[in-house]
Amino acid sequence: MNPDKLFDYLEGRLSPAERAALEEQLIYDRQLQRELVIARQIHAGMRGDSREVMLPARADVTEQGRKMALRVGVAFIILMAVNVGFGLWLIARHETRSPNRALLEKQMREQIAKSIEHAAATLTQPPKVFGVSEIIIPAATGKLDAVADEVVTITSRLGGSATKGLLDRGRLSVVVDLPSNREPEFRAAIAPIGAQPSPGSPTPTTAEKKSFVVQIIEKETK
C-alpha cells in the first residue's frame, strides 16, 4: 500500500469511494492493518503540511534505522525477484525445443512458487520488526467478540485507543495504541483473559505511544 494513500486516509483527503474501499480492505488485510498503525504513529508526530516527522531526539536514530532496514529489505526482494525471473526466462528460451520441456516447466513453476513464498515470508516478518508487538489470546468457541470487547475496554481505561476488526475464520484482531508507560498495566490486565506471555519492552519515562496487534484465536475443540 502506498504510504501517501494511508496519510491521505488519516487526513480525510480520500474520496468517499476510495475511503470505503480502503476500510473494506483493512478488515481482511492484517498486513495493511499493521501499516496503518505505523502510519498513524508517524502522522501523530507530523507538524504542518510538509509531512516532516517530529519525533523525540532519542527515537530519531531508531526510526531512521527501521526505515533504512525496511528499504534495504524491499530492494533486496525486488532484486532477487528480478534475478530469478531473468534466469527462468533464459532457461525457458534455451530449452523451448527440448524434449524435457514439460519437466522444465514444472521445475520453473516450483522455483517461482518458492521465490514468492520466500518474498512473502520476508515481507510478513513478526510485527515487532516494525515496532508493533503481537499478543495472542486464545478464546473459547463463540467468545471472540466478548474477549475483543474486554480488550477494548481495558485499553480505554488505560488511556489508549483500540480498533476491532471483523471475525475471520476463527480469528479476530484488535489494533491497540497505548501510552508506552502503561504497557505493564495492559499486559497485567489481559493476562487473566488468557494472553500468552510475550516479552515486553522496557518501560520508558516518556508518554510515547506503543502499538499492539492483539490476535484473539478461537481454541480448537477436541
C-alpha atoms as a PDB file:
ATOM      1  CA  MET A   1       0.000   0.000   0.000  1.00  0.00           C
ATOM      2  CA  ASN A   2       1.299   3.456  -0.939  1.00  0.00           C
ATOM      3  CA  PRO A   3       2.117   5.309   2.331  1.00  0.00           C
ATOM      4  CA  ASP A   4       0.755   8.546   0.819  1.00  0.00           C
ATOM      5  CA  LYS A   5      -2.649   6.927   0.490  1.00  0.00           C
ATOM      6  CA  LEU A   6      -2.607   5.936   4.161  1.00  0.00           C
ATOM      7  CA  PHE A   7      -1.682   9.511   5.116  1.00  0.00           C
ATOM      8  CA  ASP A   8      -4.479  10.859   2.904  1.00  0.00           C
ATOM      9  CA  TYR A   9      -6.870   8.473   4.653  1.00  0.00           C
ATOM     10  CA  LEU A  10      -5.772   9.695   8.101  1.00  0.00           C
ATOM     11  CA  GLU A  11      -6.131  13.326   6.969  1.00  0.00           C
ATOM     12  CA  GLY A  12      -9.563  12.780   5.396  1.00  0.00           C
ATOM     13  CA  ARG A  13      -8.423  13.580   1.856  1.00  0.00           C
ATOM     14  CA  LEU A  14      -9.734  10.432   0.173  1.00  0.00           C
ATOM     15  CA  SER A  15     -12.974  10.435  -1.760  1.00  0.00           C
ATOM     16  CA  PRO A  16     -15.867   8.537  -0.165  1.00  0.00           C
ATOM     17  CA  ALA A  17     -15.417   5.685  -2.634  1.00  0.00           C
ATOM     18  CA  GLU A  18     -11.666   5.412  -2.012  1.00  0.00           C
ATOM     19  CA  ARG A  19     -12.165   5.621   1.745  1.00  0.00           C
ATOM     20  CA  ALA A  20     -14.820   2.888   1.681  1.00  0.00           C
ATOM     21  CA  ALA A  21     -12.593   0.652  -0.455  1.00  0.00           C
ATOM     22  CA  LEU A  22      -9.619   1.146   1.879  1.00  0.00           C
ATOM     23  CA  GLU A  23     -11.671   0.456   5.006  1.00  0.00           C
ATOM     24  CA  GLU A  24     -13.061  -2.704   3.448  1.00  0.00           C
ATOM     25  CA  GLN A  25      -9.523  -3.845   2.637  1.00  0.00           C
ATOM     26  CA  LEU A  26      -8.417  -3.073   6.206  1.00  0.00           C
ATOM     27  CA  ILE A  27     -10.997  -5.502   7.550  1.00  0.00           C
ATOM     28  CA  TYR A  28      -9.376  -8.519   5.910  1.00  0.00           C
ATOM     29  CA  ASP A  29      -5.734  -7.481   5.392  1.00  0.00           C
ATOM     30  CA  ARG A  30      -3.733  -7.849   8.611  1.00  0.00           C
ATOM     31  CA  GLN A  31      -0.561  -6.550   6.981  1.00  0.00           C
ATOM     32  CA  LEU A  32      -2.410  -3.393   5.931  1.00  0.00           C
ATOM     33  CA  GLN A  33      -3.709  -3.022   9.498  1.00  0.00           C
ATOM     34  CA  ARG A  34      -0.122  -3.001  10.740  1.00  0.00           C
ATOM     35  CA  GLU A  35       0.899  -0.466   8.090  1.00  0.00           C
ATOM     36  CA  LEU A  36      -1.988   1.769   9.188  1.00  0.00           C
ATOM     37  CA  VAL A  37      -0.827   1.551  12.805  1.00  0.00           C
ATOM     38  CA  ILE A  38       2.648   2.679  11.768  1.00  0.00           C
ATOM     39  CA  ALA A  39       1.252   5.442   9.541  1.00  0.00           C
ATOM     40  CA  ARG A  40      -0.952   6.643  12.415  1.00  0.00           C
ATOM     41  CA  GLN A  41       2.082   6.853  14.720  1.00  0.00           C
ATOM     42  CA  ILE A  42       4.047   8.835  12.145  1.00  0.00           C
ATOM     43  CA  HIS A  43       1.046  11.029  11.364  1.00  0.00           C
ATOM     44  CA  ALA A  44       0.675  11.852  15.062  1.00  0.00           C
ATOM     45  CA  GLY A  45       4.198  13.299  15.047  1.00  0.00           C
ATOM     46  CA  MET A  46       3.721  15.471  11.956  1.00  0.00           C
ATOM     47  CA  ARG A  47       3.548  19.285  12.049  1.00  0.00           C
ATOM     48  CA  GLY A  48       2.107  21.354   9.240  1.00  0.00           C
ATOM     49  CA  ASP A  49       1.605  20.102   5.696  1.00  0.00           C
ATOM     50  CA  SER A  50       5.242  19.354   4.964  1.00  0.00           C
ATOM     51  CA  ARG A  51       4.905  15.862   6.401  1.00  0.00           C
ATOM     52  CA  GLU A  52       8.057  16.347   8.395  1.00  0.00           C
ATOM     53  CA  VAL A  53       8.044  13.755  11.143  1.00  0.00           C
ATOM     54  CA  MET A  54       8.813  15.303  14.519  1.00  0.00           C
ATOM     55  CA  LEU A  55       9.975  12.541  16.849  1.00  0.00           C
ATOM     56  CA  PRO A  56      11.812  12.710  20.160  1.00  0.00           C
ATOM     57  CA  ALA A  57      15.543  13.053  19.723  1.00  0.00           C
ATOM     58  CA  ARG A  58      16.236   9.661  21.305  1.00  0.00           C
ATOM     59  CA  ALA A  59      13.916   7.928  18.840  1.00  0.00           C
ATOM     60  CA  ASP A  60      15.340   9.535  15.671  1.00  0.00           C
ATOM     61  CA  VAL A  61      18.186   7.059  15.219  1.00  0.00           C
ATOM     62  CA  THR A  62      15.960   4.055  15.867  1.00  0.00           C
ATOM     63  CA  GLU A  63      13.249   5.253  13.465  1.00  0.00           C
ATOM     64  CA  GLN A  64      15.787   6.032  10.733  1.00  0.00           C
ATOM     65  CA  GLY A  65      17.325   2.610  11.238  1.00  0.00           C
ATOM     66  CA  ARG A  66      13.960   0.933  10.863  1.00  0.00           C
ATOM     67  CA  LYS A  67      13.179   2.847   7.684  1.00  0.00           C
ATOM     68  CA  MET A  68      16.594   2.077   6.228  1.00  0.00           C
ATOM     69  CA  ALA A  69      16.279  -1.625   7.104  1.00  0.00           C
ATOM     70  CA  LEU A  70      12.836  -1.759   5.515  1.00  0.00           C
ATOM     71  CA  ARG A  71      14.062  -0.051   2.337  1.00  0.00           C
ATOM     72  CA  VAL A  72      17.071  -2.372   2.083  1.00  0.00           C
ATOM     73  CA  GLY A  73      14.809  -5.380   2.602  1.00  0.00           C
ATOM     74  CA  VAL A  74      12.375  -4.289  -0.097  1.00  0.00           C
ATOM     75  CA  ALA A  75      15.233  -3.545  -2.508  1.00  0.00           C
ATOM     76  CA  PHE A  76      16.716  -6.973  -1.823  1.00  0.00           C
ATOM     77  CA  ILE A  77      13.386  -8.691  -2.517  1.00  0.00           C
ATOM     78  CA  ILE A  78      12.907  -6.784  -5.778  1.00  0.00           C
ATOM     79  CA  LEU A  79      16.464  -7.579  -6.903  1.00  0.00           C
ATOM     80  CA  MET A  80      16.017 -11.242  -6.018  1.00  0.00           C
ATOM     81  CA  ALA A  81      12.722 -11.429  -7.924  1.00  0.00           C
ATOM     82  CA  VAL A  82      14.290  -9.781 -10.994  1.00  0.00           C
ATOM     83  CA  ASN A  83      17.261 -12.162 -10.936  1.00  0.00           C
ATOM     84  CA  VAL A  84      15.058 -15.231 -10.548  1.00  0.00           C
ATOM     85  CA  GLY A  85      12.692 -14.080 -13.288  1.00  0.00           C
ATOM     86  CA  PHE A  86      15.539 -13.300 -15.685  1.00  0.00           C
ATOM     87  CA  GLY A  87      17.197 -16.639 -15.021  1.00  0.00           C
ATOM     88  CA  LEU A  88      13.978 -18.541 -15.594  1.00  0.00           C
ATOM     89  CA  TRP A  89      13.365 -16.624 -18.803  1.00  0.00           C
ATOM     90  CA  LEU A  90      16.821 -17.571 -20.107  1.00  0.00           C
ATOM     91  CA  ILE A  91      16.258 -21.219 -19.237  1.00  0.00           C
ATOM     92  CA  ALA A  92      12.886 -21.212 -20.967  1.00  0.00           C
ATOM     93  CA  ARG A  93      14.344 -19.545 -24.052  1.00  0.00           C
ATOM     94  CA  HIS A  94      17.161 -22.061 -24.450  1.00  0.00           C
ATOM     95  CA  GLU A  95      15.067 -25.117 -23.647  1.00  0.00           C
ATOM     96  CA  THR A  96      11.932 -24.323 -25.647  1.00  0.00           C
ATOM     97  CA  ARG A  97      12.650 -27.110 -28.144  1.00  0.00           C
ATOM     98  CA  SER A  98      13.939 -29.573 -25.598  1.00  0.00           C
ATOM     99  CA  PRO A  99      12.097 -32.920 -25.225  1.00  0.00           C
ATOM    100  CA  ASN A 100      12.219 -32.292 -21.467  1.00  0.00           C
ATOM    101  CA  ARG A 101      10.207 -29.101 -21.781  1.00  0.00           C
ATOM    102  CA  ALA A 102       7.324 -30.362 -19.591  1.00  0.00           C
ATOM    103  CA  LEU A 103       9.732 -31.243 -16.789  1.00  0.00           C
ATOM    104  CA  LEU A 104      11.487 -27.892 -17.093  1.00  0.00           C
ATOM    105  CA  GLU A 105       8.185 -26.022 -16.951  1.00  0.00           C
ATOM    106  CA  LYS A 106       7.265 -27.900 -13.786  1.00  0.00           C
ATOM    107  CA  GLN A 107      10.626 -27.019 -12.228  1.00  0.00           C
ATOM    108  CA  MET A 108      10.157 -23.381 -13.236  1.00  0.00           C
ATOM    109  CA  ARG A 109       6.731 -23.234 -11.603  1.00  0.00           C
ATOM    110  CA  GLU A 110       8.123 -24.770  -8.416  1.00  0.00           C
ATOM    111  CA  GLN A 111      11.010 -22.283  -8.385  1.00  0.00           C
ATOM    112  CA  ILE A 112       8.647 -19.352  -8.878  1.00  0.00           C
ATOM    113  CA  ALA A 113       6.400 -20.618  -6.072  1.00  0.00           C
ATOM    114  CA  LYS A 114       9.384 -20.921  -3.722  1.00  0.00           C
ATOM    115  CA  SER A 115      10.561 -17.408  -4.615  1.00  0.00           C
ATOM    116  CA  ILE A 116       7.112 -15.969  -3.927  1.00  0.00           C
ATOM    117  CA  GLU A 117       6.910 -17.798  -0.595  1.00  0.00           C
ATOM    118  CA  HIS A 118      10.351 -16.524   0.384  1.00  0.00           C
ATOM    119  CA  ALA A 119       9.441 -12.948  -0.534  1.00  0.00           C
ATOM    120  CA  ALA A 120       6.163 -13.176   1.371  1.00  0.00           C
ATOM    121  CA  ALA A 121       7.931 -14.555   4.439  1.00  0.00           C
ATOM    122  CA  THR A 122      10.405 -11.671   4.316  1.00  0.00           C
ATOM    123  CA  LEU A 123       7.695  -9.026   3.999  1.00  0.00           C
ATOM    124  CA  THR A 124       5.463 -10.539   6.686  1.00  0.00           C
ATOM    125  CA  GLN A 125       8.051 -10.598   9.426  1.00  0.00           C
ATOM    126  CA  PRO A 126       6.779 -10.567  13.015  1.00  0.00           C
ATOM    127  CA  PRO A 127       5.109  -7.234  13.769  1.00  0.00           C
ATOM    128  CA  LYS A 128       7.804  -6.359  16.303  1.00  0.00           C
ATOM    129  CA  VAL A 129      10.214  -5.688  13.420  1.00  0.00           C
ATOM    130  CA  PHE A 130       8.002  -2.730  12.539  1.00  0.00           C
ATOM    131  CA  GLY A 131       7.704  -1.537  16.137  1.00  0.00           C
ATOM    132  CA  VAL A 132       4.352  -3.280  16.667  1.00  0.00           C
ATOM    133  CA  SER A 133       4.108  -6.033  19.284  1.00  0.00           C
ATOM    134  CA  GLU A 134       1.808  -9.002  18.793  1.00  0.00           C
ATOM    135  CA  ILE A 135      -0.131 -10.604  21.627  1.00  0.00           C
ATOM    136  CA  ILE A 136      -2.077 -13.841  21.176  1.00  0.00           C
ATOM    137  CA  ILE A 137      -5.141 -14.605  23.304  1.00  0.00           C
ATOM    138  CA  PRO A 138      -6.908 -17.965  22.972  1.00  0.00           C
ATOM    139  CA  ALA A 139     -10.683 -17.797  23.366  1.00  0.00           C
ATOM    140  CA  ALA A 140     -13.439 -20.349  23.770  1.00  0.00           C
ATOM    141  CA  THR A 141     -15.759 -21.056  20.870  1.00  0.00           C
ATOM    142  CA  GLY A 142     -18.239 -18.220  20.408  1.00  0.00           C
ATOM    143  CA  LYS A 143     -16.333 -15.879  22.769  1.00  0.00           C
ATOM    144  CA  LEU A 144     -14.175 -13.977  20.275  1.00  0.00           C
ATOM    145  CA  ASP A 145     -16.324 -10.827  20.319  1.00  0.00           C
ATOM    146  CA  ALA A 146     -16.631 -10.849  24.103  1.00  0.00           C
ATOM    147  CA  VAL A 147     -12.856 -11.151  24.577  1.00  0.00           C
ATOM    148  CA  ALA A 148     -12.232  -8.437  21.965  1.00  0.00           C
ATOM    149  CA  ASP A 149     -14.681  -6.100  23.738  1.00  0.00           C
ATOM    150  CA  GLU A 150     -12.854  -6.734  27.005  1.00  0.00           C
ATOM    151  CA  VAL A 151      -9.518  -5.822  25.379  1.00  0.00           C
ATOM    152  CA  VAL A 152     -11.083  -2.608  24.022  1.00  0.00           C
ATOM    153  CA  THR A 153     -12.448  -1.746  27.484  1.00  0.00           C
ATOM    154  CA  ILE A 154      -9.074  -2.327  29.163  1.00  0.00           C
ATOM    155  CA  THR A 155      -7.340  -0.188  26.531  1.00  0.00           C
ATOM    156  CA  SER A 156      -9.778   2.701  27.014  1.00  0.00           C
ATOM    157  CA  ARG A 157      -9.386   2.508  30.784  1.00  0.00           C
ATOM    158  CA  LEU A 158      -5.606   2.906  30.417  1.00  0.00           C
ATOM    159  CA  GLY A 159      -5.925   5.965  28.168  1.00  0.00           C
ATOM    160  CA  GLY A 160      -5.400   4.232  24.835  1.00  0.00           C
ATOM    161  CA  SER A 161      -7.455   3.522  21.738  1.00  0.00           C
ATOM    162  CA  ALA A 162      -8.400   0.229  20.106  1.00  0.00           C
ATOM    163  CA  THR A 163      -9.774  -0.751  16.696  1.00  0.00           C
ATOM    164  CA  LYS A 164     -11.557  -4.088  16.453  1.00  0.00           C
ATOM    165  CA  GLY A 165     -11.599  -5.933  13.150  1.00  0.00           C
ATOM    166  CA  LEU A 166     -14.115  -8.456  11.863  1.00  0.00           C
ATOM    167  CA  LEU A 167     -14.205 -12.182  12.514  1.00  0.00           C
ATOM    168  CA  ASP A 168     -12.101 -14.105  10.004  1.00  0.00           C
ATOM    169  CA  ARG A 169     -12.034 -17.905  10.198  1.00  0.00           C
ATOM    170  CA  GLY A 170     -11.812 -18.224  13.966  1.00  0.00           C
ATOM    171  CA  ARG A 171      -9.564 -15.191  14.404  1.00  0.00           C
ATOM    172  CA  LEU A 172     -10.276 -11.626  15.476  1.00  0.00           C
ATOM    173  CA  SER A 173      -7.667  -8.840  15.536  1.00  0.00           C
ATOM    174  CA  VAL A 174      -7.665  -5.761  17.755  1.00  0.00           C
ATOM    175  CA  VAL A 175      -5.188  -2.968  16.957  1.00  0.00           C
ATOM    176  CA  VAL A 176      -4.235  -1.188  20.190  1.00  0.00           C
ATOM    177  CA  ASP A 177      -2.474   2.174  20.632  1.00  0.00           C
ATOM    178  CA  LEU A 178      -1.389   2.788  24.208  1.00  0.00           C
ATOM    179  CA  PRO A 179       0.978   5.119  26.101  1.00  0.00           C
ATOM    180  CA  SER A 180       4.209   3.144  26.442  1.00  0.00           C
ATOM    181  CA  ASN A 181       4.373   3.675  30.182  1.00  0.00           C
ATOM    182  CA  ARG A 182       1.042   1.846  30.545  1.00  0.00           C
ATOM    183  CA  GLU A 183       2.273  -1.314  28.806  1.00  0.00           C
ATOM    184  CA  PRO A 184       2.951  -3.286  32.033  1.00  0.00           C
ATOM    185  CA  GLU A 185      -0.547  -2.463  33.300  1.00  0.00           C
ATOM    186  CA  PHE A 186      -2.066  -3.503  29.977  1.00  0.00           C
ATOM    187  CA  ARG A 187      -0.265  -6.842  29.929  1.00  0.00           C
ATOM    188  CA  ALA A 188      -1.205  -7.497  33.548  1.00  0.00           C
ATOM    189  CA  ALA A 189      -4.852  -6.664  32.835  1.00  0.00           C
ATOM    190  CA  ILE A 190      -5.180  -9.011  29.849  1.00  0.00           C
ATOM    191  CA  ALA A 191      -3.225 -11.859  31.455  1.00  0.00           C
ATOM    192  CA  PRO A 192      -6.327 -13.287  33.222  1.00  0.00           C
ATOM    193  CA  ILE A 193      -8.110 -13.412  29.845  1.00  0.00           C
ATOM    194  CA  GLY A 194      -5.566 -15.948  28.668  1.00  0.00           C
ATOM    195  CA  ALA A 195      -2.958 -13.851  26.868  1.00  0.00           C
ATOM    196  CA  GLN A 196       0.114 -15.881  26.040  1.00  0.00           C
ATOM    197  CA  PRO A 197       3.215 -14.368  27.679  1.00  0.00           C
ATOM    198  CA  SER A 198       5.424 -12.441  25.299  1.00  0.00           C
ATOM    199  CA  PRO A 199       8.496 -10.316  26.028  1.00  0.00           C
ATOM    200  CA  GLY A 200       7.613  -6.727  26.823  1.00  0.00           C
ATOM    201  CA  SER A 201       9.750  -3.706  26.138  1.00  0.00           C
ATOM    202  CA  PRO A 202      11.457  -1.643  28.870  1.00  0.00           C
ATOM    203  CA  THR A 203       9.095   0.889  30.395  1.00  0.00           C
ATOM    204  CA  PRO A 204      10.041   4.366  29.044  1.00  0.00           C
ATOM    205  CA  THR A 205       9.875   7.542  31.070  1.00  0.00           C
ATOM    206  CA  THR A 206       8.083   9.424  28.287  1.00  0.00           C
ATOM    207  CA  ALA A 207       4.448   9.055  27.264  1.00  0.00           C
ATOM    208  CA  GLU A 208       5.176   7.994  23.679  1.00  0.00           C
ATOM    209  CA  LYS A 209       2.713   5.603  22.067  1.00  0.00           C
ATOM    210  CA  LYS A 210       3.149   1.842  21.829  1.00  0.00           C
ATOM    211  CA  SER A 211       1.159  -0.270  19.364  1.00  0.00           C
ATOM    212  CA  PHE A 212      -0.018  -3.849  19.688  1.00  0.00           C
ATOM    213  CA  VAL A 213      -1.871  -6.259  17.442  1.00  0.00           C
ATOM    214  CA  VAL A 214      -3.899  -8.477  19.761  1.00  0.00           C
ATOM    215  CA  GLN A 215      -4.762 -11.707  17.943  1.00  0.00           C
ATOM    216  CA  ILE A 216      -7.752 -13.448  19.547  1.00  0.00           C
ATOM    217  CA  ILE A 217      -7.844 -17.022  18.262  1.00  0.00           C
ATOM    218  CA  GLU A 218     -10.639 -19.491  18.806  1.00  0.00           C
ATOM    219  CA  LYS A 219      -9.493 -22.674  20.531  1.00  0.00           C
ATOM    220  CA  GLU A 220      -9.863 -25.861  18.560  1.00  0.00           C
ATOM    221  CA  THR A 221     -12.338 -28.260  20.102  1.00  0.00           C
ATOM    222  CA  LYS A 222     -11.013 -31.747  20.667  1.00  0.00           C
END
